[in-house]
N, C-alpha and C. Protein backbone atom coordinates (compact mmCIF):
# COMPACT_ATOMS: atom_id res chain seq x y z
N MET A 1 -35.05 -46.31 12.41
CA MET A 1 -35.04 -44.86 12.45
C MET A 1 -34.22 -44.36 13.63
N LYS A 2 -34.36 -45.03 14.80
CA LYS A 2 -33.59 -44.63 15.98
C LYS A 2 -32.09 -44.81 15.73
N THR A 3 -31.74 -45.85 14.99
CA THR A 3 -30.33 -46.10 14.69
C THR A 3 -29.76 -44.97 13.85
N VAL A 4 -30.51 -44.50 12.85
CA VAL A 4 -30.06 -43.41 11.98
C VAL A 4 -29.86 -42.13 12.81
N ILE A 5 -30.79 -41.84 13.68
CA ILE A 5 -30.69 -40.64 14.53
C ILE A 5 -29.48 -40.75 15.46
N CYS A 6 -29.24 -41.92 16.03
CA CYS A 6 -28.08 -42.13 16.91
C CYS A 6 -26.77 -41.95 16.15
N VAL A 7 -26.71 -42.48 14.93
CA VAL A 7 -25.50 -42.36 14.12
C VAL A 7 -25.24 -40.89 13.80
N ILE A 8 -26.28 -40.16 13.40
CA ILE A 8 -26.12 -38.73 13.08
C ILE A 8 -25.69 -37.96 14.33
N ALA A 9 -26.29 -38.25 15.47
CA ALA A 9 -25.91 -37.58 16.72
C ALA A 9 -24.47 -37.87 17.08
N MET A 10 -24.02 -39.11 16.89
CA MET A 10 -22.63 -39.47 17.21
C MET A 10 -21.67 -38.75 16.25
N MET A 11 -22.03 -38.64 14.99
CA MET A 11 -21.17 -37.95 14.03
C MET A 11 -21.04 -36.47 14.40
N LEU A 12 -22.13 -35.84 14.80
CA LEU A 12 -22.09 -34.44 15.21
C LEU A 12 -21.23 -34.28 16.47
N LEU A 13 -21.36 -35.21 17.41
CA LEU A 13 -20.59 -35.17 18.65
C LEU A 13 -19.10 -35.33 18.37
N VAL A 14 -18.74 -36.22 17.48
CA VAL A 14 -17.34 -36.43 17.12
C VAL A 14 -16.76 -35.15 16.51
N ASN A 15 -17.52 -34.50 15.61
CA ASN A 15 -17.05 -33.26 14.99
C ASN A 15 -16.86 -32.15 16.01
N VAL A 16 -17.73 -32.06 17.00
CA VAL A 16 -17.62 -31.04 18.03
C VAL A 16 -16.41 -31.31 18.92
N CYS A 17 -16.17 -32.56 19.29
CA CYS A 17 -15.08 -32.92 20.20
C CYS A 17 -13.71 -32.69 19.57
N PHE A 18 -13.54 -32.97 18.30
CA PHE A 18 -12.22 -32.89 17.69
C PHE A 18 -11.92 -31.54 17.06
N ALA A 19 -12.93 -30.74 16.80
CA ALA A 19 -12.76 -29.40 16.23
C ALA A 19 -11.79 -29.39 15.05
N GLU A 20 -12.00 -30.27 14.12
CA GLU A 20 -11.17 -30.29 12.91
C GLU A 20 -11.73 -29.31 11.90
N VAL A 21 -10.85 -28.55 11.32
CA VAL A 21 -11.22 -27.57 10.31
C VAL A 21 -10.37 -27.87 9.07
N THR A 22 -11.00 -27.88 7.92
CA THR A 22 -10.28 -28.15 6.68
C THR A 22 -9.94 -26.85 5.98
N ILE A 23 -8.66 -26.67 5.69
CA ILE A 23 -8.22 -25.54 4.87
C ILE A 23 -8.36 -26.00 3.43
N PRO A 24 -9.27 -25.39 2.67
CA PRO A 24 -9.47 -25.86 1.29
C PRO A 24 -8.32 -25.44 0.36
N PRO A 25 -8.23 -26.09 -0.79
CA PRO A 25 -7.22 -25.69 -1.78
C PRO A 25 -7.46 -24.24 -2.21
N ASN A 26 -6.41 -23.56 -2.60
CA ASN A 26 -6.46 -22.18 -3.10
C ASN A 26 -6.91 -21.16 -2.06
N THR A 27 -6.71 -21.46 -0.78
CA THR A 27 -6.97 -20.48 0.27
C THR A 27 -5.83 -19.46 0.24
N VAL A 28 -6.18 -18.20 0.30
CA VAL A 28 -5.16 -17.14 0.25
C VAL A 28 -4.45 -17.03 1.60
N ILE A 29 -3.12 -17.02 1.56
CA ILE A 29 -2.29 -16.86 2.74
C ILE A 29 -1.42 -15.63 2.52
N PRO A 30 -1.61 -14.55 3.31
CA PRO A 30 -0.76 -13.37 3.13
C PRO A 30 0.64 -13.62 3.69
N VAL A 31 1.66 -13.38 2.89
CA VAL A 31 3.05 -13.64 3.27
C VAL A 31 3.82 -12.32 3.20
N ARG A 32 4.68 -12.08 4.21
CA ARG A 32 5.42 -10.82 4.29
C ARG A 32 6.89 -11.08 4.57
N SER A 33 7.74 -10.25 3.96
CA SER A 33 9.18 -10.27 4.29
C SER A 33 9.37 -9.38 5.51
N THR A 34 10.27 -9.77 6.40
CA THR A 34 10.50 -8.96 7.61
C THR A 34 11.87 -8.32 7.60
N GLU A 35 12.73 -8.75 6.70
CA GLU A 35 14.08 -8.20 6.58
C GLU A 35 14.40 -8.02 5.11
N PRO A 36 15.36 -7.16 4.79
CA PRO A 36 15.73 -7.00 3.38
C PRO A 36 16.39 -8.28 2.86
N ILE A 37 16.07 -8.63 1.64
CA ILE A 37 16.67 -9.80 0.99
C ILE A 37 17.34 -9.28 -0.27
N ASP A 38 18.66 -9.39 -0.33
CA ASP A 38 19.45 -8.80 -1.41
C ASP A 38 20.06 -9.89 -2.28
N ALA A 39 19.92 -9.75 -3.59
CA ALA A 39 20.45 -10.74 -4.53
C ALA A 39 21.96 -10.91 -4.43
N LYS A 40 22.66 -9.91 -3.90
CA LYS A 40 24.12 -10.02 -3.76
C LYS A 40 24.51 -11.08 -2.74
N TYR A 41 23.62 -11.38 -1.79
CA TYR A 41 23.99 -12.24 -0.67
C TYR A 41 23.31 -13.60 -0.66
N ILE A 42 22.50 -13.91 -1.65
CA ILE A 42 21.82 -15.21 -1.68
C ILE A 42 22.03 -15.88 -3.04
N GLN A 43 21.77 -17.20 -3.06
CA GLN A 43 21.95 -17.98 -4.28
C GLN A 43 20.69 -18.78 -4.57
N ALA A 44 20.52 -19.16 -5.82
CA ALA A 44 19.40 -20.02 -6.21
C ALA A 44 19.47 -21.32 -5.40
N GLY A 45 18.33 -21.77 -4.92
CA GLY A 45 18.25 -23.00 -4.13
C GLY A 45 18.32 -22.78 -2.64
N GLN A 46 18.71 -21.59 -2.21
CA GLN A 46 18.82 -21.29 -0.78
C GLN A 46 17.43 -21.16 -0.15
N GLU A 47 17.29 -21.55 1.10
CA GLU A 47 16.02 -21.45 1.83
C GLU A 47 15.96 -20.10 2.53
N ILE A 48 14.80 -19.45 2.45
CA ILE A 48 14.54 -18.17 3.09
C ILE A 48 13.29 -18.34 3.95
N ILE A 49 13.28 -17.74 5.14
CA ILE A 49 12.10 -17.80 6.01
C ILE A 49 11.40 -16.44 5.99
N LEU A 50 10.14 -16.45 5.63
CA LEU A 50 9.28 -15.28 5.66
C LEU A 50 8.22 -15.53 6.74
N VAL A 51 7.19 -14.70 6.85
CA VAL A 51 6.14 -14.92 7.85
C VAL A 51 4.75 -14.76 7.24
N VAL A 52 3.78 -15.39 7.92
CA VAL A 52 2.38 -15.17 7.57
C VAL A 52 2.03 -13.79 8.13
N ALA A 53 1.46 -12.91 7.31
CA ALA A 53 1.24 -11.52 7.68
C ALA A 53 0.05 -11.30 8.61
N SER A 54 -0.97 -12.13 8.52
CA SER A 54 -2.14 -11.97 9.40
C SER A 54 -2.80 -13.34 9.61
N ASN A 55 -3.60 -13.43 10.66
CA ASN A 55 -4.28 -14.69 10.98
C ASN A 55 -5.13 -15.16 9.79
N VAL A 56 -5.13 -16.47 9.58
CA VAL A 56 -5.98 -17.07 8.55
C VAL A 56 -7.09 -17.81 9.27
N ARG A 57 -8.32 -17.42 9.00
CA ARG A 57 -9.47 -18.00 9.69
C ARG A 57 -10.39 -18.72 8.72
N ILE A 58 -10.87 -19.88 9.16
CA ILE A 58 -11.86 -20.65 8.40
C ILE A 58 -12.99 -20.95 9.38
N ASN A 59 -14.22 -20.60 9.04
CA ASN A 59 -15.39 -20.84 9.90
C ASN A 59 -15.16 -20.32 11.32
N GLN A 60 -14.69 -19.10 11.45
CA GLN A 60 -14.44 -18.42 12.72
C GLN A 60 -13.35 -19.09 13.57
N GLU A 61 -12.56 -19.98 13.01
CA GLU A 61 -11.46 -20.63 13.72
C GLU A 61 -10.14 -20.20 13.09
N THR A 62 -9.19 -19.79 13.92
CA THR A 62 -7.87 -19.46 13.40
C THR A 62 -7.13 -20.76 13.13
N VAL A 63 -6.74 -20.97 11.88
CA VAL A 63 -6.04 -22.20 11.49
C VAL A 63 -4.54 -21.96 11.28
N ILE A 64 -4.17 -20.71 10.93
CA ILE A 64 -2.77 -20.33 10.80
C ILE A 64 -2.64 -18.95 11.45
N LYS A 65 -1.71 -18.83 12.39
CA LYS A 65 -1.55 -17.56 13.10
C LYS A 65 -0.55 -16.65 12.40
N ALA A 66 -0.78 -15.35 12.55
CA ALA A 66 0.17 -14.35 12.06
C ALA A 66 1.52 -14.62 12.71
N GLY A 67 2.56 -14.52 11.92
CA GLY A 67 3.90 -14.77 12.44
C GLY A 67 4.38 -16.19 12.24
N ALA A 68 3.50 -17.08 11.75
CA ALA A 68 3.93 -18.45 11.47
C ALA A 68 4.99 -18.41 10.38
N PRO A 69 6.05 -19.21 10.51
CA PRO A 69 7.10 -19.17 9.49
C PRO A 69 6.62 -19.71 8.15
N VAL A 70 7.10 -19.10 7.09
CA VAL A 70 6.82 -19.54 5.72
C VAL A 70 8.17 -19.89 5.09
N VAL A 71 8.29 -21.12 4.61
CA VAL A 71 9.52 -21.55 3.95
C VAL A 71 9.41 -21.21 2.47
N ALA A 72 10.44 -20.51 1.98
CA ALA A 72 10.52 -20.16 0.56
C ALA A 72 11.91 -20.53 0.07
N PHE A 73 12.01 -20.81 -1.21
CA PHE A 73 13.30 -21.12 -1.82
C PHE A 73 13.61 -20.07 -2.88
N VAL A 74 14.88 -19.75 -3.02
CA VAL A 74 15.31 -18.78 -4.02
C VAL A 74 15.28 -19.46 -5.38
N ASN A 75 14.42 -18.98 -6.27
CA ASN A 75 14.36 -19.49 -7.65
C ASN A 75 15.45 -18.87 -8.50
N ASP A 76 15.60 -17.57 -8.34
CA ASP A 76 16.53 -16.83 -9.19
C ASP A 76 17.13 -15.70 -8.37
N SER A 77 18.42 -15.51 -8.50
CA SER A 77 19.10 -14.42 -7.82
C SER A 77 20.26 -13.99 -8.70
N SER A 78 20.16 -12.78 -9.24
CA SER A 78 21.25 -12.29 -10.07
C SER A 78 21.58 -10.86 -9.66
N SER A 79 22.87 -10.60 -9.56
CA SER A 79 23.35 -9.27 -9.20
C SER A 79 23.26 -8.36 -10.41
N SER A 80 23.38 -7.07 -10.15
CA SER A 80 23.40 -6.12 -11.26
C SER A 80 24.67 -6.33 -12.09
N GLN A 81 24.60 -5.95 -13.35
CA GLN A 81 25.71 -6.17 -14.28
C GLN A 81 26.07 -4.88 -14.99
N MET A 82 27.18 -4.94 -15.71
CA MET A 82 27.60 -3.76 -16.47
C MET A 82 26.59 -3.44 -17.56
N ALA A 83 26.74 -2.28 -18.13
CA ALA A 83 25.85 -1.74 -19.17
C ALA A 83 24.47 -1.45 -18.61
N GLY A 84 24.37 -1.27 -17.29
CA GLY A 84 23.11 -0.85 -16.67
C GLY A 84 22.10 -1.95 -16.45
N ILE A 85 22.50 -3.22 -16.59
CA ILE A 85 21.56 -4.34 -16.40
C ILE A 85 21.27 -4.50 -14.91
N SER A 86 19.99 -4.52 -14.56
CA SER A 86 19.60 -4.60 -13.15
C SER A 86 19.64 -6.04 -12.64
N GLY A 87 19.77 -6.18 -11.32
CA GLY A 87 19.71 -7.48 -10.69
C GLY A 87 18.27 -7.88 -10.45
N LYS A 88 18.05 -9.15 -10.13
CA LYS A 88 16.68 -9.59 -9.84
C LYS A 88 16.72 -10.71 -8.82
N ILE A 89 15.58 -10.89 -8.17
CA ILE A 89 15.45 -11.93 -7.16
C ILE A 89 14.03 -12.48 -7.24
N SER A 90 13.90 -13.80 -7.09
CA SER A 90 12.60 -14.46 -7.15
C SER A 90 12.56 -15.57 -6.11
N LEU A 91 11.54 -15.55 -5.25
CA LEU A 91 11.37 -16.56 -4.21
C LEU A 91 10.10 -17.36 -4.47
N ALA A 92 10.17 -18.69 -4.31
CA ALA A 92 9.00 -19.57 -4.48
C ALA A 92 8.53 -20.01 -3.10
N MET A 93 7.27 -19.75 -2.78
CA MET A 93 6.70 -20.17 -1.50
C MET A 93 6.52 -21.69 -1.50
N ARG A 94 6.88 -22.34 -0.41
CA ARG A 94 6.77 -23.80 -0.31
C ARG A 94 5.75 -24.25 0.73
N SER A 95 5.85 -23.73 1.99
CA SER A 95 4.94 -24.21 3.03
C SER A 95 4.92 -23.27 4.23
N THR A 96 3.91 -23.45 5.06
CA THR A 96 3.82 -22.79 6.37
C THR A 96 3.31 -23.82 7.36
N VAL A 97 3.03 -23.38 8.59
CA VAL A 97 2.64 -24.30 9.65
C VAL A 97 1.31 -23.85 10.23
N ALA A 98 0.37 -24.80 10.35
CA ALA A 98 -0.93 -24.53 10.96
C ALA A 98 -0.77 -24.55 12.49
N VAL A 99 -1.82 -24.16 13.21
CA VAL A 99 -1.76 -24.06 14.68
C VAL A 99 -1.52 -25.40 15.36
N ASP A 100 -1.84 -26.51 14.70
CA ASP A 100 -1.61 -27.83 15.30
C ASP A 100 -0.29 -28.45 14.85
N GLY A 101 0.51 -27.71 14.10
CA GLY A 101 1.79 -28.22 13.63
C GLY A 101 1.73 -28.85 12.25
N SER A 102 0.56 -28.94 11.67
CA SER A 102 0.44 -29.50 10.31
C SER A 102 1.17 -28.62 9.31
N ILE A 103 1.84 -29.25 8.37
CA ILE A 103 2.51 -28.51 7.29
C ILE A 103 1.46 -28.20 6.23
N VAL A 104 1.39 -26.94 5.84
CA VAL A 104 0.44 -26.48 4.83
C VAL A 104 1.22 -26.11 3.57
N PRO A 105 1.14 -26.93 2.51
CA PRO A 105 1.86 -26.63 1.27
C PRO A 105 1.33 -25.35 0.61
N LEU A 106 2.24 -24.54 0.08
CA LEU A 106 1.87 -23.27 -0.55
C LEU A 106 2.45 -23.16 -1.95
N SER A 107 1.85 -22.28 -2.73
CA SER A 107 2.43 -21.88 -4.01
C SER A 107 2.32 -20.37 -4.10
N GLY A 108 3.24 -19.79 -4.79
CA GLY A 108 3.25 -18.34 -4.95
C GLY A 108 4.68 -17.88 -5.15
N THR A 109 4.84 -16.69 -5.69
CA THR A 109 6.16 -16.16 -5.97
C THR A 109 6.27 -14.73 -5.49
N MET A 110 7.38 -14.43 -4.82
CA MET A 110 7.71 -13.06 -4.44
C MET A 110 8.92 -12.69 -5.28
N MET A 111 8.81 -11.61 -6.05
CA MET A 111 9.95 -11.24 -6.90
C MET A 111 10.07 -9.73 -6.98
N ASN A 112 11.28 -9.33 -7.27
CA ASN A 112 11.56 -7.91 -7.45
C ASN A 112 12.85 -7.77 -8.23
N SER A 113 12.98 -6.68 -8.94
CA SER A 113 14.23 -6.42 -9.67
C SER A 113 14.59 -4.95 -9.48
N GLY A 114 15.88 -4.69 -9.58
CA GLY A 114 16.34 -3.31 -9.47
C GLY A 114 15.96 -2.52 -10.71
N GLU A 115 16.17 -1.24 -10.64
CA GLU A 115 15.86 -0.38 -11.78
C GLU A 115 16.95 -0.53 -12.84
N SER A 116 16.52 -0.78 -14.06
CA SER A 116 17.46 -0.95 -15.17
C SER A 116 17.93 0.42 -15.67
N GLU A 117 19.18 0.48 -16.01
CA GLU A 117 19.75 1.71 -16.57
C GLU A 117 20.36 1.44 -17.94
N VAL A 118 19.88 0.40 -18.61
CA VAL A 118 20.45 0.00 -19.89
C VAL A 118 20.33 1.11 -20.93
N GLY A 119 19.15 1.66 -21.10
CA GLY A 119 18.94 2.67 -22.14
C GLY A 119 19.84 3.87 -21.99
N SER A 120 19.85 4.46 -20.80
CA SER A 120 20.66 5.66 -20.61
C SER A 120 22.15 5.34 -20.65
N THR A 121 22.55 4.18 -20.14
CA THR A 121 23.97 3.80 -20.13
C THR A 121 24.48 3.60 -21.56
N VAL A 122 23.72 2.91 -22.38
CA VAL A 122 24.14 2.67 -23.76
C VAL A 122 24.17 3.98 -24.54
N ALA A 123 23.16 4.83 -24.35
CA ALA A 123 23.12 6.11 -25.06
C ALA A 123 24.33 6.97 -24.70
N VAL A 124 24.63 7.09 -23.41
CA VAL A 124 25.77 7.89 -22.98
C VAL A 124 27.07 7.25 -23.46
N GLY A 125 27.14 5.91 -23.39
CA GLY A 125 28.35 5.20 -23.80
C GLY A 125 28.65 5.37 -25.27
N VAL A 126 27.66 5.33 -26.12
CA VAL A 126 27.86 5.44 -27.56
C VAL A 126 28.16 6.88 -27.96
N ILE A 127 27.43 7.82 -27.37
CA ILE A 127 27.56 9.22 -27.76
C ILE A 127 28.76 9.90 -27.11
N LEU A 128 28.93 9.75 -25.82
CA LEU A 128 29.93 10.52 -25.11
C LEU A 128 31.19 9.75 -24.70
N CYS A 129 30.97 8.63 -24.01
CA CYS A 129 32.14 7.98 -23.42
C CYS A 129 31.89 6.48 -23.27
N PRO A 130 32.70 5.66 -23.91
CA PRO A 130 32.53 4.21 -23.78
C PRO A 130 32.68 3.69 -22.35
N LEU A 131 33.35 4.45 -21.48
CA LEU A 131 33.49 4.02 -20.08
C LEU A 131 32.14 3.99 -19.36
N ALA A 132 31.15 4.69 -19.88
CA ALA A 132 29.82 4.67 -19.27
C ALA A 132 29.22 3.27 -19.29
N LEU A 133 29.68 2.42 -20.21
CA LEU A 133 29.17 1.05 -20.27
C LEU A 133 29.55 0.23 -19.04
N LEU A 134 30.47 0.73 -18.23
CA LEU A 134 30.84 0.06 -16.98
C LEU A 134 29.82 0.32 -15.87
N ASN A 135 28.90 1.23 -16.11
CA ASN A 135 27.85 1.54 -15.13
C ASN A 135 26.98 0.31 -14.87
N LYS A 136 26.67 0.04 -13.61
CA LYS A 136 25.83 -1.10 -13.26
C LYS A 136 24.41 -0.64 -12.95
N GLY A 137 23.44 -1.55 -13.15
CA GLY A 137 22.07 -1.27 -12.77
C GLY A 137 21.91 -1.48 -11.27
N GLU A 138 20.68 -1.27 -10.76
CA GLU A 138 20.41 -1.48 -9.34
C GLU A 138 20.39 -2.96 -9.01
N ALA A 139 20.73 -3.28 -7.77
CA ALA A 139 20.71 -4.68 -7.32
C ALA A 139 19.27 -5.16 -7.16
N GLY A 140 19.06 -6.47 -7.32
CA GLY A 140 17.75 -7.06 -7.05
C GLY A 140 17.58 -7.15 -5.54
N ARG A 141 16.46 -6.64 -5.03
CA ARG A 141 16.27 -6.58 -3.58
C ARG A 141 14.79 -6.65 -3.25
N ILE A 142 14.47 -7.48 -2.25
CA ILE A 142 13.11 -7.52 -1.71
C ILE A 142 13.16 -6.72 -0.41
N PRO A 143 12.41 -5.64 -0.33
CA PRO A 143 12.47 -4.80 0.87
C PRO A 143 11.68 -5.41 2.03
N PRO A 144 12.01 -5.03 3.26
CA PRO A 144 11.22 -5.51 4.40
C PRO A 144 9.80 -4.97 4.28
N GLY A 145 8.84 -5.80 4.64
CA GLY A 145 7.44 -5.39 4.58
C GLY A 145 6.76 -5.69 3.26
N MET A 146 7.50 -6.19 2.26
CA MET A 146 6.88 -6.53 0.98
C MET A 146 5.93 -7.71 1.22
N GLU A 147 4.74 -7.62 0.68
CA GLU A 147 3.74 -8.65 0.93
C GLU A 147 3.18 -9.20 -0.37
N ILE A 148 2.94 -10.51 -0.37
CA ILE A 148 2.29 -11.18 -1.50
C ILE A 148 1.18 -12.07 -0.95
N ARG A 149 0.42 -12.60 -1.83
CA ARG A 149 -0.63 -13.54 -1.45
C ARG A 149 -0.28 -14.90 -2.04
N ALA A 150 0.09 -15.83 -1.16
CA ALA A 150 0.34 -17.21 -1.58
C ALA A 150 -0.98 -17.96 -1.52
N MET A 151 -1.02 -19.16 -2.09
CA MET A 151 -2.23 -19.98 -2.08
C MET A 151 -1.89 -21.37 -1.58
N THR A 152 -2.85 -21.98 -0.87
CA THR A 152 -2.62 -23.35 -0.41
C THR A 152 -2.71 -24.30 -1.59
N VAL A 153 -1.95 -25.39 -1.48
CA VAL A 153 -1.96 -26.43 -2.50
C VAL A 153 -2.64 -27.64 -1.86
N GLY A 154 -3.75 -28.07 -2.39
CA GLY A 154 -4.48 -29.18 -1.79
C GLY A 154 -5.18 -28.71 -0.52
N GLN A 155 -5.77 -29.67 0.19
CA GLN A 155 -6.45 -29.32 1.43
C GLN A 155 -5.67 -29.88 2.61
N THR A 156 -5.80 -29.20 3.76
CA THR A 156 -5.12 -29.62 4.98
C THR A 156 -6.13 -29.61 6.10
N VAL A 157 -6.20 -30.69 6.87
CA VAL A 157 -7.10 -30.78 8.02
C VAL A 157 -6.32 -30.33 9.25
N VAL A 158 -6.89 -29.37 9.99
CA VAL A 158 -6.23 -28.79 11.16
C VAL A 158 -7.08 -29.06 12.39
N ASP A 159 -6.46 -29.56 13.46
CA ASP A 159 -7.13 -29.79 14.74
C ASP A 159 -6.90 -28.54 15.59
N THR A 160 -7.87 -27.64 15.61
CA THR A 160 -7.71 -26.37 16.30
C THR A 160 -7.74 -26.51 17.82
N GLU A 161 -8.15 -27.65 18.33
CA GLU A 161 -8.16 -27.89 19.78
C GLU A 161 -6.78 -28.31 20.30
N ASN A 162 -5.94 -28.87 19.47
CA ASN A 162 -4.62 -29.34 19.88
C ASN A 162 -3.52 -28.47 19.28
N GLN A 163 -3.46 -27.22 19.72
CA GLN A 163 -2.45 -26.31 19.21
C GLN A 163 -1.11 -26.61 19.89
N ILE A 164 -0.04 -26.43 19.12
CA ILE A 164 1.30 -26.68 19.65
C ILE A 164 2.07 -25.37 19.70
N GLU A 165 3.20 -25.37 20.40
CA GLU A 165 4.06 -24.20 20.44
C GLU A 165 4.84 -24.13 19.13
N ILE A 166 4.77 -22.99 18.51
CA ILE A 166 5.49 -22.74 17.26
C ILE A 166 6.29 -21.47 17.46
N ASP A 167 7.44 -21.37 16.84
CA ASP A 167 8.27 -20.18 16.95
C ASP A 167 7.68 -19.09 16.06
N TYR A 168 6.65 -18.40 16.61
CA TYR A 168 6.03 -17.32 15.85
C TYR A 168 6.97 -16.13 15.85
N ARG A 169 6.97 -15.39 14.75
CA ARG A 169 7.85 -14.23 14.61
C ARG A 169 7.01 -12.98 14.44
N THR A 170 7.59 -11.85 14.77
CA THR A 170 6.88 -10.61 14.53
C THR A 170 6.69 -10.45 13.03
N THR A 171 5.65 -9.77 12.64
CA THR A 171 5.37 -9.61 11.22
C THR A 171 5.83 -8.25 10.71
N GLU A 172 6.46 -7.47 11.57
CA GLU A 172 6.97 -6.15 11.19
C GLU A 172 8.49 -6.17 11.14
N TYR A 173 9.05 -5.36 10.31
CA TYR A 173 10.50 -5.20 10.23
C TYR A 173 10.94 -4.28 11.36
N GLU A 174 11.90 -4.74 12.17
CA GLU A 174 12.42 -3.95 13.28
C GLU A 174 13.92 -3.78 13.10
N PRO A 175 14.36 -2.69 12.47
CA PRO A 175 15.78 -2.55 12.14
C PRO A 175 16.71 -2.43 13.33
N ASP A 176 16.21 -2.03 14.49
CA ASP A 176 17.08 -1.83 15.63
C ASP A 176 17.20 -3.06 16.54
N LYS A 177 16.63 -4.20 16.15
CA LYS A 177 16.69 -5.41 16.97
C LYS A 177 17.38 -6.53 16.21
N SER A 178 18.08 -7.38 16.94
CA SER A 178 18.72 -8.53 16.30
C SER A 178 17.68 -9.60 16.03
N PRO A 179 17.93 -10.56 15.13
CA PRO A 179 16.96 -11.60 14.82
C PRO A 179 16.52 -12.40 16.04
N LYS A 180 17.40 -12.61 17.00
CA LYS A 180 17.03 -13.38 18.18
C LYS A 180 15.99 -12.67 19.02
N GLU A 181 16.02 -11.33 19.02
CA GLU A 181 15.08 -10.56 19.80
C GLU A 181 13.73 -10.41 19.11
N LYS A 182 13.63 -10.82 17.85
CA LYS A 182 12.41 -10.61 17.11
C LYS A 182 11.43 -11.77 17.21
N THR A 183 11.74 -12.80 17.97
CA THR A 183 10.81 -13.93 18.07
C THR A 183 9.87 -13.75 19.24
N ASP A 184 8.66 -14.18 19.08
CA ASP A 184 7.66 -14.15 20.14
C ASP A 184 7.07 -15.54 20.29
N ASP A 185 6.74 -15.95 21.49
CA ASP A 185 6.01 -17.19 21.69
C ASP A 185 4.54 -16.83 21.87
N ILE A 186 3.72 -17.21 20.94
CA ILE A 186 2.29 -16.98 21.03
C ILE A 186 1.64 -18.31 21.31
N ARG A 187 0.91 -18.36 22.33
CA ARG A 187 0.29 -19.64 22.72
C ARG A 187 -1.20 -19.55 22.65
């Protein structure tokens, strides 16, 4: 009986000393764009960096800090076309970084498309002037501050006692500052 009590006490002591917290699968991670992303300037397969919008806490422990970089890849990027066809853009969330430097796999999609003008363009083109068919729709664009909820894929164990320096970024769009001025070191 004493052996069982000693083993349980040692297990509790180990858990207290290492402060490991498990991020379970399907944990919601708020992700935000900080700059405009325009379909005219990006291509499918390109990497885009977004940010975690707010702290992610599990059992009163912050496991992912606001401003942690989120890696996303461009799934689809198409510019607007003639006859009023709008452009579109779609980003697939891949991963972010926990406070101890662990990579946290993510899933989720951020997408947006411009306003289509197909109906009005075709109607005007057929009735009044065929040159109206040269009219283009709006470009696909993700505005700064657009937010989605990504989800974790699988579980990740985070050591909250051994936090590392990560290039945390502001979570707000600041149009009057250059990208280099927008980084903060949060320790």
